[in-house]
Amino acid sequence: MGYDYQLVGGVLLLIFGFIGVANAYVDKRSPLYSLIGMLLGAALILWAWLLSGQTLTPKEIPNAIFRVLSYWF
């Protein structure tokens, strides 16, 4: 569970950032803060990949989500 929080946080930031960018383009406003959130999400995923010994695969994302949820609930 050494990298689960970084992986889950990064995925959430990427999802919310993508939604924010799409919303900003629809509303014709600047997507700057959403892009910053997406960059932070990508940085968290990169950090999780480095912590895992560079063996992280996309199929580990659901396992990490369930491990974080089981820790808190």
PDB file of N, CA and C in Angstrom:
ATOM      1  N   MET A   1       0.829  -1.192   0.000  1.00  0.00           N
ATOM      2  CA  MET A   1       0.000   0.000   0.000  1.00  0.00           C
ATOM      3  C   MET A   1       0.870   1.251   0.000  1.00  0.00           C
ATOM      4  N   GLY A   2       2.096   1.086  -0.445  1.00  0.00           N
ATOM      5  CA  GLY A   2       3.013   2.204  -0.430  1.00  0.00           C
ATOM      6  C   GLY A   2       2.714   3.272  -1.465  1.00  0.00           C
ATOM      7  N   TYR A   3       2.019   2.929  -2.515  1.00  0.00           N
ATOM      8  CA  TYR A   3       1.771   3.892  -3.578  1.00  0.00           C
ATOM      9  C   TYR A   3       0.297   4.029  -3.916  1.00  0.00           C
ATOM     10  N   ASP A   4      -0.576   3.423  -3.142  1.00  0.00           N
ATOM     11  CA  ASP A   4      -2.007   3.430  -3.454  1.00  0.00           C
ATOM     12  C   ASP A   4      -2.618   4.819  -3.373  1.00  0.00           C
ATOM     13  N   TYR A   5      -2.254   5.578  -2.361  1.00  0.00           N
ATOM     14  CA  TYR A   5      -2.831   6.921  -2.214  1.00  0.00           C
ATOM     15  C   TYR A   5      -2.428   7.831  -3.375  1.00  0.00           C
ATOM     16  N   GLN A   6      -1.182   7.744  -3.792  1.00  0.00           N
ATOM     17  CA  GLN A   6      -0.724   8.564  -4.902  1.00  0.00           C
ATOM     18  C   GLN A   6      -1.436   8.163  -6.194  1.00  0.00           C
ATOM     19  N   LEU A   7      -1.616   6.868  -6.393  1.00  0.00           N
ATOM     20  CA  LEU A   7      -2.255   6.397  -7.614  1.00  0.00           C
ATOM     21  C   LEU A   7      -3.730   6.795  -7.663  1.00  0.00           C
ATOM     22  N   VAL A   8      -4.438   6.595  -6.573  1.00  0.00           N
ATOM     23  CA  VAL A   8      -5.863   6.944  -6.533  1.00  0.00           C
ATOM     24  C   VAL A   8      -6.047   8.457  -6.638  1.00  0.00           C
ATOM     25  N   GLY A   9      -5.242   9.220  -5.919  1.00  0.00           N
ATOM     26  CA  GLY A   9      -5.327  10.679  -6.000  1.00  0.00           C
ATOM     27  C   GLY A   9      -5.007  11.197  -7.384  1.00  0.00           C
ATOM     28  N   GLY A  10      -4.011  10.620  -8.027  1.00  0.00           N
ATOM     29  CA  GLY A  10      -3.657  11.041  -9.380  1.00  0.00           C
ATOM     30  C   GLY A  10      -4.743  10.736 -10.392  1.00  0.00           C
ATOM     31  N   VAL A  11      -5.355   9.566 -10.274  1.00  0.00           N
ATOM     32  CA  VAL A  11      -6.433   9.212 -11.199  1.00  0.00           C
ATOM     33  C   VAL A  11      -7.631  10.138 -10.996  1.00  0.00           C
ATOM     34  N   LEU A  12      -7.970  10.425  -9.743  1.00  0.00           N
ATOM     35  CA  LEU A  12      -9.088  11.330  -9.476  1.00  0.00           C
ATOM     36  C   LEU A  12      -8.821  12.734 -10.012  1.00  0.00           C
ATOM     37  N   LEU A  13      -7.608  13.219  -9.805  1.00  0.00           N
ATOM     38  CA  LEU A  13      -7.274  14.552 -10.327  1.00  0.00           C
ATOM     39  C   LEU A  13      -7.307  14.592 -11.849  1.00  0.00           C
ATOM     40  N   LEU A  14      -6.859  13.527 -12.491  1.00  0.00           N
ATOM     41  CA  LEU A  14      -6.929  13.484 -13.950  1.00  0.00           C
ATOM     42  C   LEU A  14      -8.371  13.484 -14.436  1.00  0.00           C
ATOM     43  N   ILE A  15      -9.234  12.704 -13.797  1.00  0.00           N
ATOM     44  CA  ILE A  15     -10.640  12.645 -14.216  1.00  0.00           C
ATOM     45  C   ILE A  15     -11.315  13.994 -14.007  1.00  0.00           C
ATOM     46  N   PHE A  16     -11.158  14.556 -12.808  1.00  0.00           N
ATOM     47  CA  PHE A  16     -11.796  15.848 -12.538  1.00  0.00           C
ATOM     48  C   PHE A  16     -11.204  16.961 -13.383  1.00  0.00           C
ATOM     49  N   GLY A  17      -9.898  16.897 -13.656  1.00  0.00           N
ATOM     50  CA  GLY A  17      -9.272  17.897 -14.511  1.00  0.00           C
ATOM     51  C   GLY A  17      -9.791  17.833 -15.929  1.00  0.00           C
ATOM     52  N   PHE A  18      -9.974  16.619 -16.450  1.00  0.00           N
ATOM     53  CA  PHE A  18     -10.507  16.476 -17.802  1.00  0.00           C
ATOM     54  C   PHE A  18     -11.936  17.017 -17.888  1.00  0.00           C
ATOM     55  N   ILE A  19     -12.729  16.725 -16.872  1.00  0.00           N
ATOM     56  CA  ILE A  19     -14.095  17.256 -16.837  1.00  0.00           C
ATOM     57  C   ILE A  19     -14.068  18.782 -16.747  1.00  0.00           C
ATOM     58  N   GLY A  20     -13.153  19.322 -15.955  1.00  0.00           N
ATOM     59  CA  GLY A  20     -13.032  20.772 -15.818  1.00  0.00           C
ATOM     60  C   GLY A  20     -12.597  21.447 -17.104  1.00  0.00           C
ATOM     61  N   VAL A  21     -11.684  20.821 -17.828  1.00  0.00           N
ATOM     62  CA  VAL A  21     -11.244  21.384 -19.112  1.00  0.00           C
ATOM     63  C   VAL A  21     -12.400  21.390 -20.104  1.00  0.00           C
ATOM     64  N   ALA A  22     -13.135  20.290 -20.168  1.00  0.00           N
ATOM     65  CA  ALA A  22     -14.278  20.229 -21.083  1.00  0.00           C
ATOM     66  C   ALA A  22     -15.322  21.277 -20.711  1.00  0.00           C
ATOM     67  N   ASN A  23     -15.568  21.443 -19.432  1.00  0.00           N
ATOM     68  CA  ASN A  23     -16.538  22.434 -18.976  1.00  0.00           C
ATOM     69  C   ASN A  23     -16.061  23.853 -19.292  1.00  0.00           C
ATOM     70  N   ALA A  24     -14.774  24.105 -19.133  1.00  0.00           N
ATOM     71  CA  ALA A  24     -14.240  25.440 -19.422  1.00  0.00           C
ATOM     72  C   ALA A  24     -14.361  25.770 -20.902  1.00  0.00           C
ATOM     73  N   TYR A  25     -14.117  24.791 -21.759  1.00  0.00           N
ATOM     74  CA  TYR A  25     -14.250  25.049 -23.192  1.00  0.00           C
ATOM     75  C   TYR A  25     -15.703  25.295 -23.583  1.00  0.00           C
ATOM     76  N   VAL A  26     -16.618  24.588 -22.954  1.00  0.00           N
ATOM     77  CA  VAL A  26     -18.036  24.794 -23.257  1.00  0.00           C
ATOM     78  C   VAL A  26     -18.484  26.177 -22.791  1.00  0.00           C
ATOM     79  N   ASP A  27     -18.028  26.597 -21.613  1.00  0.00           N
ATOM     80  CA  ASP A  27     -18.407  27.904 -21.068  1.00  0.00           C
ATOM     81  C   ASP A  27     -17.555  29.045 -21.604  1.00  0.00           C
ATOM     82  N   LYS A  28     -16.588  28.734 -22.456  1.00  0.00           N
ATOM     83  CA  LYS A  28     -15.689  29.733 -23.060  1.00  0.00           C
ATOM     84  C   LYS A  28     -14.936  30.543 -22.006  1.00  0.00           C
ATOM     85  N   ARG A  29     -14.326  29.813 -21.089  1.00  0.00           N
ATOM     86  CA  ARG A  29     -13.475  30.451 -20.084  1.00  0.00           C
ATOM     87  C   ARG A  29     -12.132  29.727 -20.042  1.00  0.00           C
ATOM     88  N   SER A  30     -11.219  30.222 -19.264  1.00  0.00           N
ATOM     89  CA  SER A  30      -9.862  29.678 -19.235  1.00  0.00           C
ATOM     90  C   SER A  30      -9.824  28.327 -18.500  1.00  0.00           C
ATOM     91  N   PRO A  31      -9.201  27.329 -19.102  1.00  0.00           N
ATOM     92  CA  PRO A  31      -9.085  26.030 -18.437  1.00  0.00           C
ATOM     93  C   PRO A  31      -7.800  25.890 -17.616  1.00  0.00           C
ATOM     94  N   LEU A  32      -7.227  27.000 -17.196  1.00  0.00           N
ATOM     95  CA  LEU A  32      -5.917  26.979 -16.549  1.00  0.00           C
ATOM     96  C   LEU A  32      -5.895  26.119 -15.291  1.00  0.00           C
ATOM     97  N   TYR A  33      -6.830  26.309 -14.384  1.00  0.00           N
ATOM     98  CA  TYR A  33      -6.813  25.566 -13.124  1.00  0.00           C
ATOM     99  C   TYR A  33      -7.085  24.083 -13.337  1.00  0.00           C
ATOM    100  N   SER A  34      -7.898  23.767 -14.308  1.00  0.00           N
ATOM    101  CA  SER A  34      -8.142  22.359 -14.624  1.00  0.00           C
ATOM    102  C   SER A  34      -6.901  21.713 -15.226  1.00  0.00           C
ATOM    103  N   LEU A  35      -6.192  22.446 -16.057  1.00  0.00           N
ATOM    104  CA  LEU A  35      -4.946  21.919 -16.629  1.00  0.00           C
ATOM    105  C   LEU A  35      -3.885  21.714 -15.551  1.00  0.00           C
ATOM    106  N   ILE A  36      -3.833  22.618 -14.587  1.00  0.00           N
ATOM    107  CA  ILE A  36      -2.905  22.458 -13.466  1.00  0.00           C
ATOM    108  C   ILE A  36      -3.271  21.221 -12.657  1.00  0.00           C
ATOM    109  N   GLY A  37      -4.564  21.005 -12.450  1.00  0.00           N
ATOM    110  CA  GLY A  37      -5.011  19.799 -11.754  1.00  0.00           C
ATOM    111  C   GLY A  37      -4.650  18.535 -12.502  1.00  0.00           C
ATOM    112  N   MET A  38      -4.770  18.571 -13.819  1.00  0.00           N
ATOM    113  CA  MET A  38      -4.390  17.411 -14.621  1.00  0.00           C
ATOM    114  C   MET A  38      -2.883  17.160 -14.552  1.00  0.00           C
ATOM    115  N   LEU A  39      -2.093  18.219 -14.544  1.00  0.00           N
ATOM    116  CA  LEU A  39      -0.644  18.056 -14.418  1.00  0.00           C
ATOM    117  C   LEU A  39      -0.267  17.489 -13.048  1.00  0.00           C
ATOM    118  N   LEU A  40      -0.952  17.947 -12.008  1.00  0.00           N
ATOM    119  CA  LEU A  40      -0.697  17.393 -10.678  1.00  0.00           C
ATOM    120  C   LEU A  40      -1.100  15.923 -10.606  1.00  0.00           C
ATOM    121  N   GLY A  41      -2.213  15.578 -11.243  1.00  0.00           N
ATOM    122  CA  GLY A  41      -2.633  14.180 -11.288  1.00  0.00           C
ATOM    123  C   GLY A  41      -1.620  13.309 -12.006  1.00  0.00           C
ATOM    124  N   ALA A  42      -1.108  13.801 -13.125  1.00  0.00           N
ATOM    125  CA  ALA A  42      -0.082  13.052 -13.857  1.00  0.00           C
ATOM    126  C   ALA A  42       1.193  12.917 -13.025  1.00  0.00           C
ATOM    127  N   ALA A  43       1.540  13.961 -12.281  1.00  0.00           N
ATOM    128  CA  ALA A  43       2.727  13.902 -11.423  1.00  0.00           C
ATOM    129  C   ALA A  43       2.529  12.884 -10.300  1.00  0.00           C
ATOM    130  N   LEU A  44       1.325  12.809  -9.732  1.00  0.00           N
ATOM    131  CA  LEU A  44       1.058  11.815  -8.696  1.00  0.00           C
ATOM    132  C   LEU A  44       1.137  10.392  -9.249  1.00  0.00           C
ATOM    133  N   ILE A  45       0.628  10.189 -10.450  1.00  0.00           N
ATOM    134  CA  ILE A  45       0.711   8.863 -11.059  1.00  0.00           C
ATOM    135  C   ILE A  45       2.166   8.505 -11.354  1.00  0.00           C
ATOM    136  N   LEU A  46       2.949   9.454 -11.814  1.00  0.00           N
ATOM    137  CA  LEU A  46       4.376   9.219 -12.041  1.00  0.00           C
ATOM    138  C   LEU A  46       5.082   8.887 -10.737  1.00  0.00           C
ATOM    139  N   TRP A  47       4.736   9.586  -9.674  1.00  0.00           N
ATOM    140  CA  TRP A  47       5.327   9.315  -8.359  1.00  0.00           C
ATOM    141  C   TRP A  47       4.960   7.900  -7.892  1.00  0.00           C
ATOM    142  N   ALA A  48       3.708   7.497  -8.079  1.00  0.00           N
ATOM    143  CA  ALA A  48       3.288   6.140  -7.711  1.00  0.00           C
ATOM    144  C   ALA A  48       4.045   5.113  -8.537  1.00  0.00           C
ATOM    145  N   TRP A  49       4.268   5.403  -9.818  1.00  0.00           N
ATOM    146  CA  TRP A  49       5.004   4.483 -10.671  1.00  0.00           C
ATOM    147  C   TRP A  49       6.447   4.337 -10.196  1.00  0.00           C
ATOM    148  N   LEU A  50       7.046   5.433  -9.770  1.00  0.00           N
ATOM    149  CA  LEU A  50       8.414   5.372  -9.254  1.00  0.00           C
ATOM    150  C   LEU A  50       8.472   4.630  -7.924  1.00  0.00           C
ATOM    151  N   LEU A  51       7.477   4.834  -7.057  1.00  0.00           N
ATOM    152  CA  LEU A  51       7.446   4.139  -5.772  1.00  0.00           C
ATOM    153  C   LEU A  51       7.238   2.638  -5.935  1.00  0.00           C
ATOM    154  N   SER A  52       6.540   2.235  -6.979  1.00  0.00           N
ATOM    155  CA  SER A  52       6.264   0.811  -7.180  1.00  0.00           C
ATOM    156  C   SER A  52       7.452   0.068  -7.781  1.00  0.00           C
ATOM    157  N   GLY A  53       8.516   0.736  -8.043  1.00  0.00           N
ATOM    158  CA  GLY A  53       9.676   0.109  -8.667  1.00  0.00           C
ATOM    159  C   GLY A  53       9.523   0.012 -10.168  1.00  0.00           C
ATOM    160  N   GLN A  54       8.730   0.894 -10.739  1.00  0.00           N
ATOM    161  CA  GLN A  54       8.482   0.991 -12.177  1.00  0.00           C
ATOM    162  C   GLN A  54       7.832  -0.276 -12.725  1.00  0.00           C
ATOM    163  N   THR A  55       6.984  -0.907 -11.913  1.00  0.00           N
ATOM    164  CA  THR A  55       6.260  -2.101 -12.348  1.00  0.00           C
ATOM    165  C   THR A  55       4.752  -1.878 -12.332  1.00  0.00           C
ATOM    166  N   LEU A  56       4.328  -0.649 -12.249  1.00  0.00           N
ATOM    167  CA  LEU A  56       2.904  -0.330 -12.151  1.00  0.00           C
ATOM    168  C   LEU A  56       2.233  -0.507 -13.499  1.00  0.00           C
ATOM    169  N   THR A  57       1.082  -1.189 -13.500  1.00  0.00           N
ATOM    170  CA  THR A  57       0.309  -1.396 -14.720  1.00  0.00           C
ATOM    171  C   THR A  57      -1.092  -0.840 -14.518  1.00  0.00           C
ATOM    172  N   PRO A  58      -1.814  -0.544 -15.607  1.00  0.00           N
ATOM    173  CA  PRO A  58      -3.168  -0.001 -15.460  1.00  0.00           C
ATOM    174  C   PRO A  58      -4.144  -0.934 -14.759  1.00  0.00           C
ATOM    175  N   LYS A  59      -3.903  -2.232 -14.782  1.00  0.00           N
ATOM    176  CA  LYS A  59      -4.822  -3.151 -14.121  1.00  0.00           C
ATOM    177  C   LYS A  59      -4.711  -3.096 -12.595  1.00  0.00           C
ATOM    178  N   GLU A  60      -3.736  -2.398 -12.067  1.00  0.00           N
ATOM    179  CA  GLU A  60      -3.603  -2.260 -10.621  1.00  0.00           C
ATOM    180  C   GLU A  60      -4.411  -1.094 -10.061  1.00  0.00           C
ATOM    181  N   ILE A  61      -4.983  -0.266 -10.923  1.00  0.00           N
ATOM    182  CA  ILE A  61      -5.757   0.887 -10.452  1.00  0.00           C
ATOM    183  C   ILE A  61      -6.991   0.455  -9.658  1.00  0.00           C
ATOM    184  N   PRO A  62      -7.818  -0.485 -10.161  1.00  0.00           N
ATOM    185  CA  PRO A  62      -8.975  -0.901  -9.349  1.00  0.00           C
ATOM    186  C   PRO A  62      -8.576  -1.530  -8.011  1.00  0.00           C
ATOM    187  N   ASN A  63      -7.491  -2.305  -8.016  1.00  0.00           N
ATOM    188  CA  ASN A  63      -7.024  -2.899  -6.763  1.00  0.00           C
ATOM    189  C   ASN A  63      -6.604  -1.823  -5.767  1.00  0.00           C
ATOM    190  N   ALA A  64      -5.946  -0.795  -6.240  1.00  0.00           N
ATOM    191  CA  ALA A  64      -5.525   0.297  -5.364  1.00  0.00           C
ATOM    192  C   ALA A  64      -6.736   1.046  -4.820  1.00  0.00           C
ATOM    193  N   ILE A  65      -7.750   1.256  -5.655  1.00  0.00           N
ATOM    194  CA  ILE A  65      -8.962   1.944  -5.197  1.00  0.00           C
ATOM    195  C   ILE A  65      -9.638   1.144  -4.096  1.00  0.00           C
ATOM    196  N   PHE A  66      -9.763  -0.159  -4.296  1.00  0.00           N
ATOM    197  CA  PHE A  66     -10.418  -0.986  -3.288  1.00  0.00           C
ATOM    198  C   PHE A  66      -9.586  -1.102  -2.015  1.00  0.00           C
ATOM    199  N   ARG A  67      -8.265  -1.107  -2.128  1.00  0.00           N
ATOM    200  CA  ARG A  67      -7.428  -1.125  -0.921  1.00  0.00           C
ATOM    201  C   ARG A  67      -7.582   0.163  -0.123  1.00  0.00           C
ATOM    202  N   VAL A  68      -7.652   1.302  -0.801  1.00  0.00           N
ATOM    203  CA  VAL A  68      -7.840   2.585  -0.099  1.00  0.00           C
ATOM    204  C   VAL A  68      -9.226   2.631   0.541  1.00  0.00           C
ATOM    205  N   LEU A  69     -10.242   2.190  -0.192  1.00  0.00           N
ATOM    206  CA  LEU A  69     -11.596   2.163   0.377  1.00  0.00           C
ATOM    207  C   LEU A  69     -11.704   1.220   1.562  1.00  0.00           C
ATOM    208  N   SER A  70     -11.065   0.072   1.481  1.00  0.00           N
ATOM    209  CA  SER A  70     -11.142  -0.877   2.592  1.00  0.00           C
ATOM    210  C   SER A  70     -10.382  -0.372   3.823  1.00  0.00           C
ATOM    211  N   TYR A  71      -9.366   0.447   3.597  1.00  0.00           N
ATOM    212  CA  TYR A  71      -8.641   1.012   4.738  1.00  0.00           C
ATOM    213  C   TYR A  71      -9.509   2.023   5.479  1.00  0.00           C
ATOM    214  N   TRP A  72     -10.292   2.828   4.747  1.00  0.00           N
ATOM    215  CA  TRP A  72     -11.077   3.879   5.364  1.00  0.00           C
ATOM    216  C   TRP A  72     -12.452   3.414   5.826  1.00  0.00           C
ATOM    217  N   PHE A  73     -12.952   2.320   5.250  1.00  0.00           N
ATOM    218  CA  PHE A  73     -14.275   1.859   5.643  1.00  0.00           C
ATOM    219  C   PHE A  73     -14.138   0.488   6.178  1.00  0.00           C
TER     220      PHE A  73
END
